[in-house]
């Protein structure tokens, strides 16, 4: 039997009204199956910029519950990268920086190559992946090492666009981040003849 009432509140107890202030409540009535009803609070980007907690309150005559409360944590992290000027005649290292993490609560990072193909950690002829630790200030620097042999295949290109995608290991049901572009700007190397007077 579906729940009699579902409501969400802010951490201070203020009731959230669906469709207002960047919030939408999905009660889960339409997807009720067997004995499971999943209610969801959708939070738009306008409110989704700091860590927060919300309370989900349910009422059920069948289960003799009134405003039974469950606290739901919203954890926000950032994913950033800086374009890097490189040459193709040497190995290169790309970095995705993930900020706002809890101590020792690292994330998983997936990398995609310029052809949008996921890079596997078994492709050691071309790449080395390093997740990196979470530092005391809540940052994690995930690195992708590109071998010199792989860089040499990009000779003649002006730029490369790798991507990193971040997934929480603290909240396993959370969706992955959007693709974060990691741009390589390739600099041409010119050989110049010189004559020295002895």
N, C-alpha and C. Protein backbone atom coordinates (compact mmCIF):
# COMPACT_ATOMS: atom_id res chain seq x y z
N UNK A 1 0.85 -1.19 0.00
CA UNK A 1 0.00 0.00 0.00
C UNK A 1 0.88 1.24 0.00
N UNK A 2 0.54 2.20 -0.85
CA UNK A 2 1.36 3.42 -0.94
C UNK A 2 1.27 4.20 0.37
N UNK A 3 2.27 5.02 0.60
CA UNK A 3 2.30 5.84 1.80
C UNK A 3 1.17 6.86 1.78
N UNK A 4 0.66 7.21 2.95
CA UNK A 4 -0.41 8.20 3.04
C UNK A 4 0.13 9.61 2.78
N UNK A 5 1.36 9.85 3.20
CA UNK A 5 1.92 11.20 3.03
C UNK A 5 3.43 11.12 2.96
N UNK A 6 3.99 11.94 2.08
CA UNK A 6 5.45 12.09 1.99
C UNK A 6 5.75 13.58 1.99
N UNK A 7 6.67 13.99 2.83
CA UNK A 7 7.09 15.39 2.78
C UNK A 7 8.57 15.49 3.08
N UNK A 8 9.16 16.56 2.61
CA UNK A 8 10.58 16.83 2.82
C UNK A 8 10.73 18.18 3.52
N UNK A 9 11.76 18.28 4.37
CA UNK A 9 12.03 19.54 5.04
C UNK A 9 13.52 19.87 4.95
N UNK A 10 13.81 21.14 5.12
CA UNK A 10 15.20 21.56 5.27
C UNK A 10 15.69 21.11 6.64
N UNK A 11 16.99 21.26 6.87
CA UNK A 11 17.55 20.80 8.15
C UNK A 11 16.99 21.56 9.34
N UNK A 12 16.47 22.77 9.10
CA UNK A 12 15.89 23.55 10.21
C UNK A 12 14.41 23.27 10.41
N UNK A 13 13.88 22.31 9.65
CA UNK A 13 12.47 21.94 9.81
C UNK A 13 11.52 22.64 8.86
N UNK A 14 12.02 23.59 8.07
CA UNK A 14 11.17 24.30 7.11
C UNK A 14 10.67 23.34 6.03
N UNK A 15 9.37 23.34 5.81
CA UNK A 15 8.79 22.43 4.82
C UNK A 15 9.18 22.86 3.41
N UNK A 16 9.52 21.90 2.58
CA UNK A 16 9.84 22.14 1.18
C UNK A 16 8.57 21.97 0.36
N UNK A 17 8.28 22.95 -0.48
CA UNK A 17 7.13 22.88 -1.36
C UNK A 17 7.61 22.54 -2.76
N UNK A 18 7.10 21.46 -3.30
CA UNK A 18 7.53 21.01 -4.62
C UNK A 18 7.21 22.06 -5.68
N UNK A 19 8.21 22.33 -6.52
CA UNK A 19 8.04 23.32 -7.58
C UNK A 19 8.45 24.72 -7.18
N UNK A 20 8.84 24.89 -5.93
CA UNK A 20 9.28 26.21 -5.47
C UNK A 20 10.72 26.15 -4.97
N UNK A 21 11.42 27.28 -5.11
CA UNK A 21 12.78 27.44 -4.58
C UNK A 21 13.73 26.35 -5.06
N UNK A 22 13.56 25.95 -6.32
CA UNK A 22 14.49 25.01 -6.97
C UNK A 22 14.38 23.57 -6.47
N UNK A 23 13.26 23.22 -5.85
CA UNK A 23 13.06 21.86 -5.36
C UNK A 23 11.86 21.21 -6.06
N UNK A 24 11.99 19.90 -6.31
CA UNK A 24 10.87 19.12 -6.81
C UNK A 24 10.81 17.81 -6.03
N UNK A 25 9.62 17.49 -5.52
CA UNK A 25 9.44 16.26 -4.76
C UNK A 25 8.73 15.23 -5.63
N UNK A 26 9.32 14.05 -5.69
CA UNK A 26 8.69 12.91 -6.35
C UNK A 26 8.32 11.91 -5.25
N UNK A 27 7.04 11.74 -5.01
CA UNK A 27 6.60 10.91 -3.89
C UNK A 27 6.87 9.43 -4.13
N UNK A 28 6.94 9.02 -5.37
CA UNK A 28 7.17 7.61 -5.67
C UNK A 28 5.90 6.80 -5.79
N UNK A 29 4.73 7.45 -5.70
CA UNK A 29 3.46 6.73 -5.79
C UNK A 29 3.31 6.04 -7.15
N UNK A 30 3.75 6.71 -8.21
CA UNK A 30 3.57 6.17 -9.56
C UNK A 30 4.44 4.96 -9.82
N UNK A 31 5.53 4.82 -9.05
CA UNK A 31 6.45 3.70 -9.29
C UNK A 31 6.40 2.66 -8.16
N UNK A 32 5.36 2.74 -7.34
CA UNK A 32 5.22 1.79 -6.22
C UNK A 32 5.15 0.37 -6.78
N UNK A 33 5.97 -0.50 -6.20
CA UNK A 33 6.00 -1.89 -6.67
C UNK A 33 6.22 -2.83 -5.49
N UNK A 34 5.33 -3.82 -5.38
CA UNK A 34 5.47 -4.76 -4.27
C UNK A 34 5.33 -4.04 -2.94
N UNK A 35 6.40 -4.01 -2.17
CA UNK A 35 6.38 -3.30 -0.89
C UNK A 35 7.38 -2.15 -0.87
N UNK A 36 7.74 -1.65 -2.05
CA UNK A 36 8.78 -0.62 -2.14
C UNK A 36 8.23 0.66 -2.77
N UNK A 37 8.48 1.78 -2.10
CA UNK A 37 8.15 3.10 -2.63
C UNK A 37 9.36 3.99 -2.42
N UNK A 38 9.89 4.54 -3.48
CA UNK A 38 11.08 5.38 -3.40
C UNK A 38 10.68 6.82 -3.64
N UNK A 39 10.90 7.65 -2.65
CA UNK A 39 10.61 9.08 -2.78
C UNK A 39 11.91 9.84 -2.99
N UNK A 40 11.86 10.84 -3.85
CA UNK A 40 13.08 11.56 -4.24
C UNK A 40 12.85 13.06 -4.14
N UNK A 41 13.90 13.75 -3.66
CA UNK A 41 13.91 15.21 -3.68
C UNK A 41 14.93 15.65 -4.72
N UNK A 42 14.46 16.31 -5.76
CA UNK A 42 15.36 16.83 -6.80
C UNK A 42 15.76 18.24 -6.44
N UNK A 43 17.06 18.48 -6.43
CA UNK A 43 17.61 19.79 -6.06
C UNK A 43 18.35 20.35 -7.27
N UNK A 44 17.94 21.50 -7.75
CA UNK A 44 18.58 22.07 -8.93
C UNK A 44 19.92 22.69 -8.58
N UNK A 45 20.67 23.05 -9.61
CA UNK A 45 22.01 23.60 -9.42
C UNK A 45 22.01 24.86 -8.55
N UNK A 46 20.92 25.60 -8.59
CA UNK A 46 20.86 26.85 -7.82
C UNK A 46 21.00 26.60 -6.32
N UNK A 47 20.55 25.45 -5.85
CA UNK A 47 20.63 25.11 -4.42
C UNK A 47 21.71 24.06 -4.15
N UNK A 48 22.27 23.54 -5.22
CA UNK A 48 23.17 22.38 -5.10
C UNK A 48 24.63 22.82 -5.15
N UNK A 49 25.00 23.73 -4.25
CA UNK A 49 26.36 24.24 -4.29
C UNK A 49 27.11 24.14 -2.96
N UNK A 50 26.43 23.67 -1.93
CA UNK A 50 27.09 23.45 -0.63
C UNK A 50 26.55 22.17 -0.01
N UNK A 51 27.32 21.58 0.90
CA UNK A 51 26.83 20.41 1.63
C UNK A 51 25.58 20.79 2.41
N UNK A 52 24.64 19.85 2.46
CA UNK A 52 23.40 20.13 3.18
C UNK A 52 22.78 18.84 3.65
N UNK A 53 21.83 18.95 4.56
CA UNK A 53 21.05 17.79 5.00
C UNK A 53 19.57 18.11 4.86
N UNK A 54 18.82 17.10 4.49
CA UNK A 54 17.37 17.22 4.36
C UNK A 54 16.73 16.08 5.15
N UNK A 55 15.47 16.27 5.49
CA UNK A 55 14.73 15.23 6.20
C UNK A 55 13.54 14.80 5.36
N UNK A 56 13.41 13.48 5.21
CA UNK A 56 12.27 12.89 4.51
C UNK A 56 11.33 12.32 5.58
N UNK A 57 10.08 12.77 5.56
CA UNK A 57 9.11 12.34 6.56
C UNK A 57 7.97 11.59 5.87
N UNK A 58 7.67 10.41 6.38
CA UNK A 58 6.61 9.60 5.78
C UNK A 58 5.55 9.28 6.83
N UNK A 59 4.33 9.15 6.33
CA UNK A 59 3.22 8.74 7.19
C UNK A 59 2.51 7.56 6.53
N UNK A 60 2.19 6.55 7.32
CA UNK A 60 1.54 5.35 6.80
C UNK A 60 0.60 4.78 7.84
N UNK A 61 -0.68 4.74 7.50
CA UNK A 61 -1.65 4.11 8.38
C UNK A 61 -1.38 2.61 8.50
N UNK A 62 -1.00 2.01 7.37
CA UNK A 62 -0.74 0.58 7.33
C UNK A 62 0.35 0.18 8.32
N UNK A 63 1.38 1.02 8.43
CA UNK A 63 2.51 0.69 9.30
C UNK A 63 2.51 1.51 10.60
N UNK A 64 1.41 2.22 10.84
CA UNK A 64 1.25 3.00 12.07
C UNK A 64 2.41 3.97 12.28
N UNK A 65 2.76 4.67 11.23
CA UNK A 65 3.85 5.66 11.29
C UNK A 65 3.30 7.04 10.93
N UNK A 66 3.72 8.05 11.69
CA UNK A 66 3.35 9.43 11.40
C UNK A 66 4.59 10.29 11.40
N UNK A 67 4.86 10.87 10.25
CA UNK A 67 6.03 11.73 10.07
C UNK A 67 7.31 11.06 10.56
N UNK A 68 7.47 9.78 10.22
CA UNK A 68 8.72 9.10 10.52
C UNK A 68 9.82 9.73 9.68
N UNK A 69 10.87 10.17 10.35
CA UNK A 69 11.89 11.00 9.69
C UNK A 69 13.18 10.23 9.41
N UNK A 70 13.71 10.47 8.22
CA UNK A 70 15.03 9.96 7.84
C UNK A 70 15.85 11.11 7.29
N UNK A 71 17.06 11.27 7.82
CA UNK A 71 17.94 12.35 7.35
C UNK A 71 18.71 11.90 6.12
N UNK A 72 18.73 12.77 5.12
CA UNK A 72 19.43 12.48 3.86
C UNK A 72 20.50 13.54 3.67
N UNK A 73 21.72 13.08 3.45
CA UNK A 73 22.85 14.01 3.28
C UNK A 73 23.07 14.33 1.81
N UNK A 74 23.25 15.60 1.53
CA UNK A 74 23.64 16.04 0.19
C UNK A 74 25.09 16.51 0.28
N UNK A 75 25.98 15.76 -0.37
CA UNK A 75 27.40 16.08 -0.34
C UNK A 75 27.80 16.63 -1.69
N UNK A 76 28.37 17.82 -1.69
CA UNK A 76 28.75 18.49 -2.94
C UNK A 76 30.27 18.52 -3.07
N UNK A 77 30.78 18.05 -4.20
CA UNK A 77 32.21 18.18 -4.46
C UNK A 77 32.42 18.89 -5.79
N UNK A 78 33.60 19.44 -5.97
CA UNK A 78 33.93 20.16 -7.20
C UNK A 78 34.93 19.34 -8.01
N UNK A 79 34.88 19.53 -9.33
CA UNK A 79 35.83 18.88 -10.23
C UNK A 79 36.39 19.95 -11.15
N UNK A 80 37.70 20.14 -11.10
CA UNK A 80 38.33 21.20 -11.90
C UNK A 80 39.58 20.67 -12.59
N UNK A 81 39.96 21.36 -13.64
CA UNK A 81 41.21 21.08 -14.34
C UNK A 81 41.69 22.37 -14.99
N UNK A 82 42.96 22.41 -15.33
CA UNK A 82 43.56 23.59 -15.96
C UNK A 82 44.17 23.18 -17.29
N UNK A 83 43.85 23.90 -18.38
CA UNK A 83 44.48 23.59 -19.67
C UNK A 83 46.00 23.59 -19.55
N UNK A 84 46.65 22.71 -20.28
CA UNK A 84 48.09 22.54 -20.14
C UNK A 84 48.74 22.60 -21.52
N UNK A 85 49.77 23.41 -21.65
CA UNK A 85 50.55 23.49 -22.89
C UNK A 85 51.62 22.42 -22.86
N UNK A 86 51.68 21.62 -23.93
CA UNK A 86 52.59 20.47 -23.94
C UNK A 86 53.24 20.33 -25.32
N UNK A 87 54.22 19.45 -25.38
CA UNK A 87 54.78 19.01 -26.65
C UNK A 87 54.56 17.51 -26.76
N UNK A 88 54.66 17.00 -27.97
CA UNK A 88 54.41 15.57 -28.19
C UNK A 88 55.67 14.73 -28.12
N UNK A 89 56.80 15.35 -27.81
CA UNK A 89 58.05 14.59 -27.80
C UNK A 89 58.44 14.10 -26.41
N UNK A 90 57.52 14.25 -25.45
CA UNK A 90 57.80 13.76 -24.10
C UNK A 90 56.51 13.31 -23.42
N UNK A 91 56.62 12.50 -22.39
CA UNK A 91 55.44 12.05 -21.65
C UNK A 91 54.78 13.23 -20.93
N UNK A 92 53.49 13.11 -20.68
CA UNK A 92 52.75 14.19 -20.05
C UNK A 92 51.85 13.62 -18.95
N UNK A 93 51.53 14.48 -17.97
CA UNK A 93 50.63 14.10 -16.88
C UNK A 93 49.48 15.08 -16.79
N UNK A 94 48.25 14.56 -16.83
CA UNK A 94 47.05 15.38 -16.68
C UNK A 94 46.51 15.22 -15.27
N UNK A 95 45.86 16.27 -14.78
CA UNK A 95 45.34 16.25 -13.41
C UNK A 95 43.90 16.73 -13.37
N UNK A 96 43.05 15.96 -12.67
CA UNK A 96 41.71 16.40 -12.30
C UNK A 96 41.71 16.59 -10.79
N UNK A 97 41.32 17.76 -10.33
CA UNK A 97 41.30 18.04 -8.90
C UNK A 97 39.87 18.00 -8.39
N UNK A 98 39.64 17.15 -7.41
CA UNK A 98 38.32 17.03 -6.80
C UNK A 98 38.39 17.66 -5.42
N UNK A 99 37.53 18.62 -5.16
CA UNK A 99 37.55 19.35 -3.90
C UNK A 99 36.27 19.15 -3.10
N UNK A 100 36.34 19.47 -1.82
CA UNK A 100 35.16 19.39 -0.96
C UNK A 100 34.87 18.00 -0.43
N UNK A 101 35.87 17.14 -0.38
CA UNK A 101 35.66 15.77 0.08
C UNK A 101 35.84 15.67 1.59
N UNK A 102 35.18 14.69 2.17
CA UNK A 102 35.41 14.39 3.59
C UNK A 102 36.72 13.64 3.74
N UNK A 103 37.33 13.78 4.90
CA UNK A 103 38.61 13.13 5.17
C UNK A 103 38.51 11.63 4.94
N UNK A 104 39.42 11.12 4.14
CA UNK A 104 39.53 9.69 3.82
C UNK A 104 38.39 9.16 2.96
N UNK A 105 37.50 10.04 2.50
CA UNK A 105 36.39 9.61 1.64
C UNK A 105 36.70 9.98 0.20
N UNK A 106 37.55 9.17 -0.43
CA UNK A 106 37.96 9.46 -1.80
C UNK A 106 36.88 9.13 -2.81
N UNK A 107 37.16 9.48 -4.06
CA UNK A 107 36.22 9.23 -5.16
C UNK A 107 36.89 8.33 -6.20
N UNK A 108 36.08 7.73 -7.03
CA UNK A 108 36.58 7.00 -8.19
C UNK A 108 36.62 7.94 -9.38
N UNK A 109 37.62 7.78 -10.23
CA UNK A 109 37.77 8.66 -11.39
C UNK A 109 37.94 7.80 -12.64
N UNK A 110 37.13 8.09 -13.64
CA UNK A 110 37.25 7.43 -14.94
C UNK A 110 37.76 8.46 -15.95
N UNK A 111 38.68 8.02 -16.80
CA UNK A 111 39.24 8.90 -17.83
C UNK A 111 38.79 8.44 -19.21
N UNK A 112 38.54 9.41 -20.10
CA UNK A 112 38.25 9.11 -21.50
C UNK A 112 39.28 9.79 -22.39
N UNK A 113 39.66 9.11 -23.47
CA UNK A 113 40.65 9.67 -24.39
C UNK A 113 39.99 10.62 -25.37
N UNK A 114 40.74 11.27 -26.26
CA UNK A 114 40.15 12.23 -27.20
C UNK A 114 39.09 11.64 -28.13
N UNK A 115 39.06 10.32 -28.26
CA UNK A 115 38.02 9.66 -29.06
C UNK A 115 36.81 9.27 -28.21
N UNK A 116 36.78 9.74 -26.95
CA UNK A 116 35.69 9.48 -26.02
C UNK A 116 35.61 8.01 -25.61
N UNK A 117 36.74 7.33 -25.63
CA UNK A 117 36.83 5.93 -25.23
C UNK A 117 37.42 5.85 -23.83
N UNK A 118 36.79 5.05 -22.98
CA UNK A 118 37.28 4.92 -21.61
C UNK A 118 38.67 4.30 -21.58
N UNK A 119 39.56 4.89 -20.80
CA UNK A 119 40.92 4.40 -20.65
C UNK A 119 40.96 3.35 -19.55
N UNK A 120 41.52 2.21 -19.84
CA UNK A 120 41.59 1.12 -18.87
C UNK A 120 42.98 1.08 -18.21
N UNK A 121 43.00 0.69 -16.96
CA UNK A 121 44.29 0.67 -16.25
C UNK A 121 45.21 -0.44 -16.73
N UNK A 122 44.70 -1.30 -17.60
CA UNK A 122 45.54 -2.36 -18.18
C UNK A 122 46.31 -1.87 -19.41
N UNK A 123 45.97 -0.67 -19.90
CA UNK A 123 46.62 -0.14 -21.11
C UNK A 123 47.91 0.57 -20.71
N UNK A 124 48.84 -0.18 -20.13
CA UNK A 124 50.05 0.42 -19.58
C UNK A 124 51.06 0.84 -20.64
N UNK A 125 50.88 0.43 -21.88
CA UNK A 125 51.76 0.91 -22.94
C UNK A 125 51.52 2.38 -23.24
N UNK A 126 50.32 2.83 -22.93
CA UNK A 126 49.94 4.20 -23.26
C UNK A 126 49.65 5.08 -22.04
N UNK A 127 49.17 4.46 -20.95
CA UNK A 127 48.70 5.26 -19.83
C UNK A 127 49.03 4.61 -18.48
N UNK A 128 49.11 5.49 -17.46
CA UNK A 128 49.16 5.04 -16.07
C UNK A 128 48.16 5.91 -15.30
N UNK A 129 47.25 5.28 -14.58
CA UNK A 129 46.23 6.00 -13.82
C UNK A 129 46.58 6.01 -12.34
N UNK A 130 46.43 7.17 -11.72
CA UNK A 130 46.72 7.30 -10.29
C UNK A 130 45.60 8.12 -9.65
N UNK A 131 44.81 7.49 -8.76
CA UNK A 131 43.70 8.19 -8.13
C UNK A 131 44.17 9.27 -7.16
N UNK A 132 45.27 9.02 -6.48
CA UNK A 132 45.77 9.98 -5.50
C UNK A 132 44.97 9.93 -4.21
N UNK A 133 45.58 10.34 -3.09
CA UNK A 133 44.91 10.33 -1.79
C UNK A 133 44.08 11.59 -1.58
N UNK A 134 43.22 11.55 -0.57
CA UNK A 134 42.50 12.75 -0.14
C UNK A 134 43.37 13.47 0.89
N UNK A 135 43.67 14.72 0.63
CA UNK A 135 44.52 15.49 1.54
C UNK A 135 43.70 16.03 2.71
N UNK A 136 44.39 16.60 3.68
CA UNK A 136 43.72 17.11 4.88
C UNK A 136 42.72 18.22 4.56
N UNK A 137 42.94 18.94 3.46
CA UNK A 137 42.02 20.02 3.10
C UNK A 137 40.89 19.54 2.20
N UNK A 138 40.73 18.23 2.05
CA UNK A 138 39.59 17.69 1.32
C UNK A 138 39.75 17.64 -0.18
N UNK A 139 40.98 17.71 -0.67
CA UNK A 139 41.23 17.66 -2.10
C UNK A 139 41.83 16.31 -2.51
N UNK A 140 41.50 15.88 -3.70
CA UNK A 140 42.08 14.68 -4.27
C UNK A 140 42.50 15.00 -5.70
N UNK A 141 43.76 14.72 -6.01
CA UNK A 141 44.27 14.98 -7.35
C UNK A 141 44.46 13.65 -8.08
N UNK A 142 43.58 13.40 -9.03
CA UNK A 142 43.67 12.20 -9.85
C UNK A 142 44.50 12.51 -11.09
N UNK A 143 45.47 11.65 -11.37
CA UNK A 143 46.39 11.93 -12.48
C UNK A 143 46.31 10.85 -13.55
N UNK A 144 46.48 11.32 -14.77
CA UNK A 144 46.59 10.42 -15.92
C UNK A 144 47.94 10.68 -16.58
N UNK A 145 48.80 9.68 -16.51
CA UNK A 145 50.13 9.78 -17.13
C UNK A 145 50.04 9.22 -18.54
N UNK A 146 50.45 10.03 -19.51
CA UNK A 146 50.43 9.62 -20.92
C UNK A 146 51.87 9.37 -21.35
N UNK A 147 52.15 8.18 -21.82
CA UNK A 147 53.52 7.82 -22.17
C UNK A 147 54.01 8.61 -23.37
N UNK A 148 55.33 8.69 -23.51
CA UNK A 148 55.92 9.40 -24.65
C UNK A 148 55.50 8.75 -25.97
N UNK A 149 55.41 7.42 -25.98
CA UNK A 149 55.01 6.72 -27.20
C UNK A 149 53.60 7.13 -27.63
N UNK A 150 52.71 7.28 -26.66
CA UNK A 150 51.34 7.70 -26.98
C UNK A 150 51.31 9.15 -27.42
N UNK A 151 52.06 10.01 -26.74
CA UNK A 151 52.09 11.42 -27.13
C UNK A 151 52.60 11.59 -28.55
N UNK A 152 53.55 10.77 -28.94
CA UNK A 152 54.11 10.89 -30.29
C UNK A 152 53.07 10.67 -31.38
N UNK A 153 52.01 9.91 -31.06
CA UNK A 153 50.97 9.66 -32.06
C UNK A 153 50.10 10.89 -32.31
N UNK A 154 50.23 11.90 -31.46
CA UNK A 154 49.43 13.12 -31.60
C UNK A 154 50.19 14.22 -32.33
N UNK A 155 51.37 13.91 -32.86
CA UNK A 155 52.15 14.93 -33.59
C UNK A 155 51.32 15.49 -34.73
N UNK A 156 51.35 16.79 -34.87
CA UNK A 156 50.60 17.46 -35.93
C UNK A 156 49.25 18.00 -35.48
N UNK A 157 48.80 17.60 -34.29
CA UNK A 157 47.53 18.12 -33.76
C UNK A 157 47.79 19.41 -32.99
N UNK A 158 46.77 20.24 -32.90
CA UNK A 158 46.92 21.50 -32.18
C UNK A 158 46.41 21.42 -30.74
N UNK A 159 45.49 20.48 -30.48
CA UNK A 159 44.97 20.34 -29.12
C UNK A 159 44.36 18.95 -28.95
N UNK A 160 44.23 18.54 -27.70
CA UNK A 160 43.61 17.27 -27.35
C UNK A 160 42.64 17.51 -26.21
N UNK A 161 41.55 16.76 -26.21
CA UNK A 161 40.54 16.93 -25.18
C UNK A 161 40.29 15.60 -24.48
N UNK A 162 40.93 15.42 -23.33
CA UNK A 162 40.65 14.26 -22.49
C UNK A 162 39.49 14.63 -21.54
N UNK A 163 38.92 13.64 -20.89
CA UNK A 163 37.83 13.89 -19.95
C UNK A 163 38.02 13.03 -18.70
N UNK A 164 37.63 13.60 -17.56
CA UNK A 164 37.57 12.80 -16.33
C UNK A 164 36.15 12.85 -15.79
N UNK A 165 35.70 11.72 -15.25
CA UNK A 165 34.36 11.58 -14.68
C UNK A 165 34.51 11.05 -13.27
N UNK A 166 33.84 11.70 -12.34
CA UNK A 166 34.03 11.39 -10.92
C UNK A 166 32.79 10.72 -10.34
N UNK A 167 33.01 9.67 -9.54
CA UNK A 167 31.92 8.95 -8.87
C UNK A 167 32.22 8.83 -7.39
N UNK A 168 31.24 9.14 -6.57
CA UNK A 168 31.42 9.07 -5.12
C UNK A 168 31.58 7.63 -4.66
N UNK A 169 32.53 7.41 -3.76
CA UNK A 169 32.65 6.11 -3.09
C UNK A 169 32.03 6.17 -1.70
N UNK A 170 31.66 7.38 -1.27
CA UNK A 170 31.02 7.54 0.03
C UNK A 170 29.52 7.27 -0.06
N UNK A 171 28.90 7.78 -1.15
CA UNK A 171 27.48 7.57 -1.38
C UNK A 171 27.33 6.83 -2.71
N UNK A 172 27.24 5.52 -2.62
CA UNK A 172 27.37 4.67 -3.81
C UNK A 172 26.21 4.82 -4.79
N UNK A 173 25.05 5.29 -4.32
CA UNK A 173 23.91 5.43 -5.21
C UNK A 173 23.88 6.78 -5.92
N UNK A 174 24.86 7.63 -5.63
CA UNK A 174 24.90 8.94 -6.28
C UNK A 174 25.33 8.80 -7.74
N UNK A 175 24.76 9.62 -8.63
CA UNK A 175 25.19 9.57 -10.03
C UNK A 175 26.60 10.13 -10.20
N UNK A 176 27.24 9.75 -11.27
CA UNK A 176 28.57 10.28 -11.57
C UNK A 176 28.47 11.74 -12.01
N UNK A 177 29.58 12.44 -11.92
CA UNK A 177 29.62 13.83 -12.37
C UNK A 177 29.52 13.90 -13.89
N UNK A 178 29.25 15.09 -14.38
CA UNK A 178 29.34 15.33 -15.82
C UNK A 178 30.81 15.23 -16.24
N UNK A 179 31.05 15.00 -17.52
CA UNK A 179 32.42 14.95 -18.02
C UNK A 179 33.12 16.27 -17.78
N UNK A 180 34.32 16.20 -17.21
CA UNK A 180 35.16 17.39 -17.03
C UNK A 180 36.25 17.38 -18.08
N UNK A 181 36.26 18.37 -18.95
CA UNK A 181 37.27 18.44 -20.00
C UNK A 181 38.64 18.75 -19.40
N UNK A 182 39.65 18.04 -19.89
CA UNK A 182 41.05 18.30 -19.52
C UNK A 182 41.78 18.52 -20.84
N UNK A 183 42.13 19.77 -21.10
CA UNK A 183 42.60 20.17 -22.42
C UNK A 183 44.11 20.24 -22.48
N UNK A 184 44.66 19.65 -23.53
CA UNK A 184 46.08 19.77 -23.84
C UNK A 184 46.24 20.66 -25.06
N UNK A 185 47.02 21.70 -24.91
CA UNK A 185 47.36 22.59 -26.03
C UNK A 185 48.74 22.22 -26.52
N UNK A 186 48.81 21.73 -27.73
CA UNK A 186 50.08 21.18 -28.22
C UNK A 186 50.92 22.27 -28.88
N UNK A 187 52.14 22.38 -28.39
CA UNK A 187 53.09 23.36 -28.92
C UNK A 187 54.02 22.67 -29.92
N UNK A 188 54.21 23.31 -31.06
CA UNK A 188 55.12 22.75 -32.07
C UNK A 188 56.56 22.93 -31.60
N UNK A 189 57.37 21.94 -31.89
CA UNK A 189 58.80 22.00 -31.58
C UNK A 189 59.56 22.19 -32.88
N UNK A 190 60.34 23.24 -32.95
CA UNK A 190 61.10 23.52 -34.17
C UNK A 190 62.59 23.35 -33.91
N UNK A 191 63.25 22.65 -34.80
CA UNK A 191 64.70 22.50 -34.72
C UNK A 191 65.36 23.66 -35.47
N UNK A 192 66.29 24.31 -34.83
CA UNK A 192 66.96 25.46 -35.43
C UNK A 192 68.44 25.16 -35.57
N UNK A 193 68.96 25.33 -36.76
CA UNK A 193 70.39 25.12 -37.00
C UNK A 193 71.18 26.30 -36.45
N UNK A 194 72.30 26.01 -35.81
CA UNK A 194 73.15 27.07 -35.27
C UNK A 194 74.61 26.77 -35.65
N UNK A 195 75.32 27.85 -35.89
CA UNK A 195 76.74 27.72 -36.17
C UNK A 195 77.51 28.44 -35.08
N UNK A 196 78.40 27.72 -34.44
CA UNK A 196 79.17 28.30 -33.34
C UNK A 196 80.58 28.60 -33.77
N UNK A 197 81.08 29.75 -33.36
CA UNK A 197 82.45 30.15 -33.64
C UNK A 197 83.34 29.69 -32.49
N UNK A 198 84.34 28.90 -32.83
CA UNK A 198 85.25 28.42 -31.79
C UNK A 198 86.44 29.37 -31.66
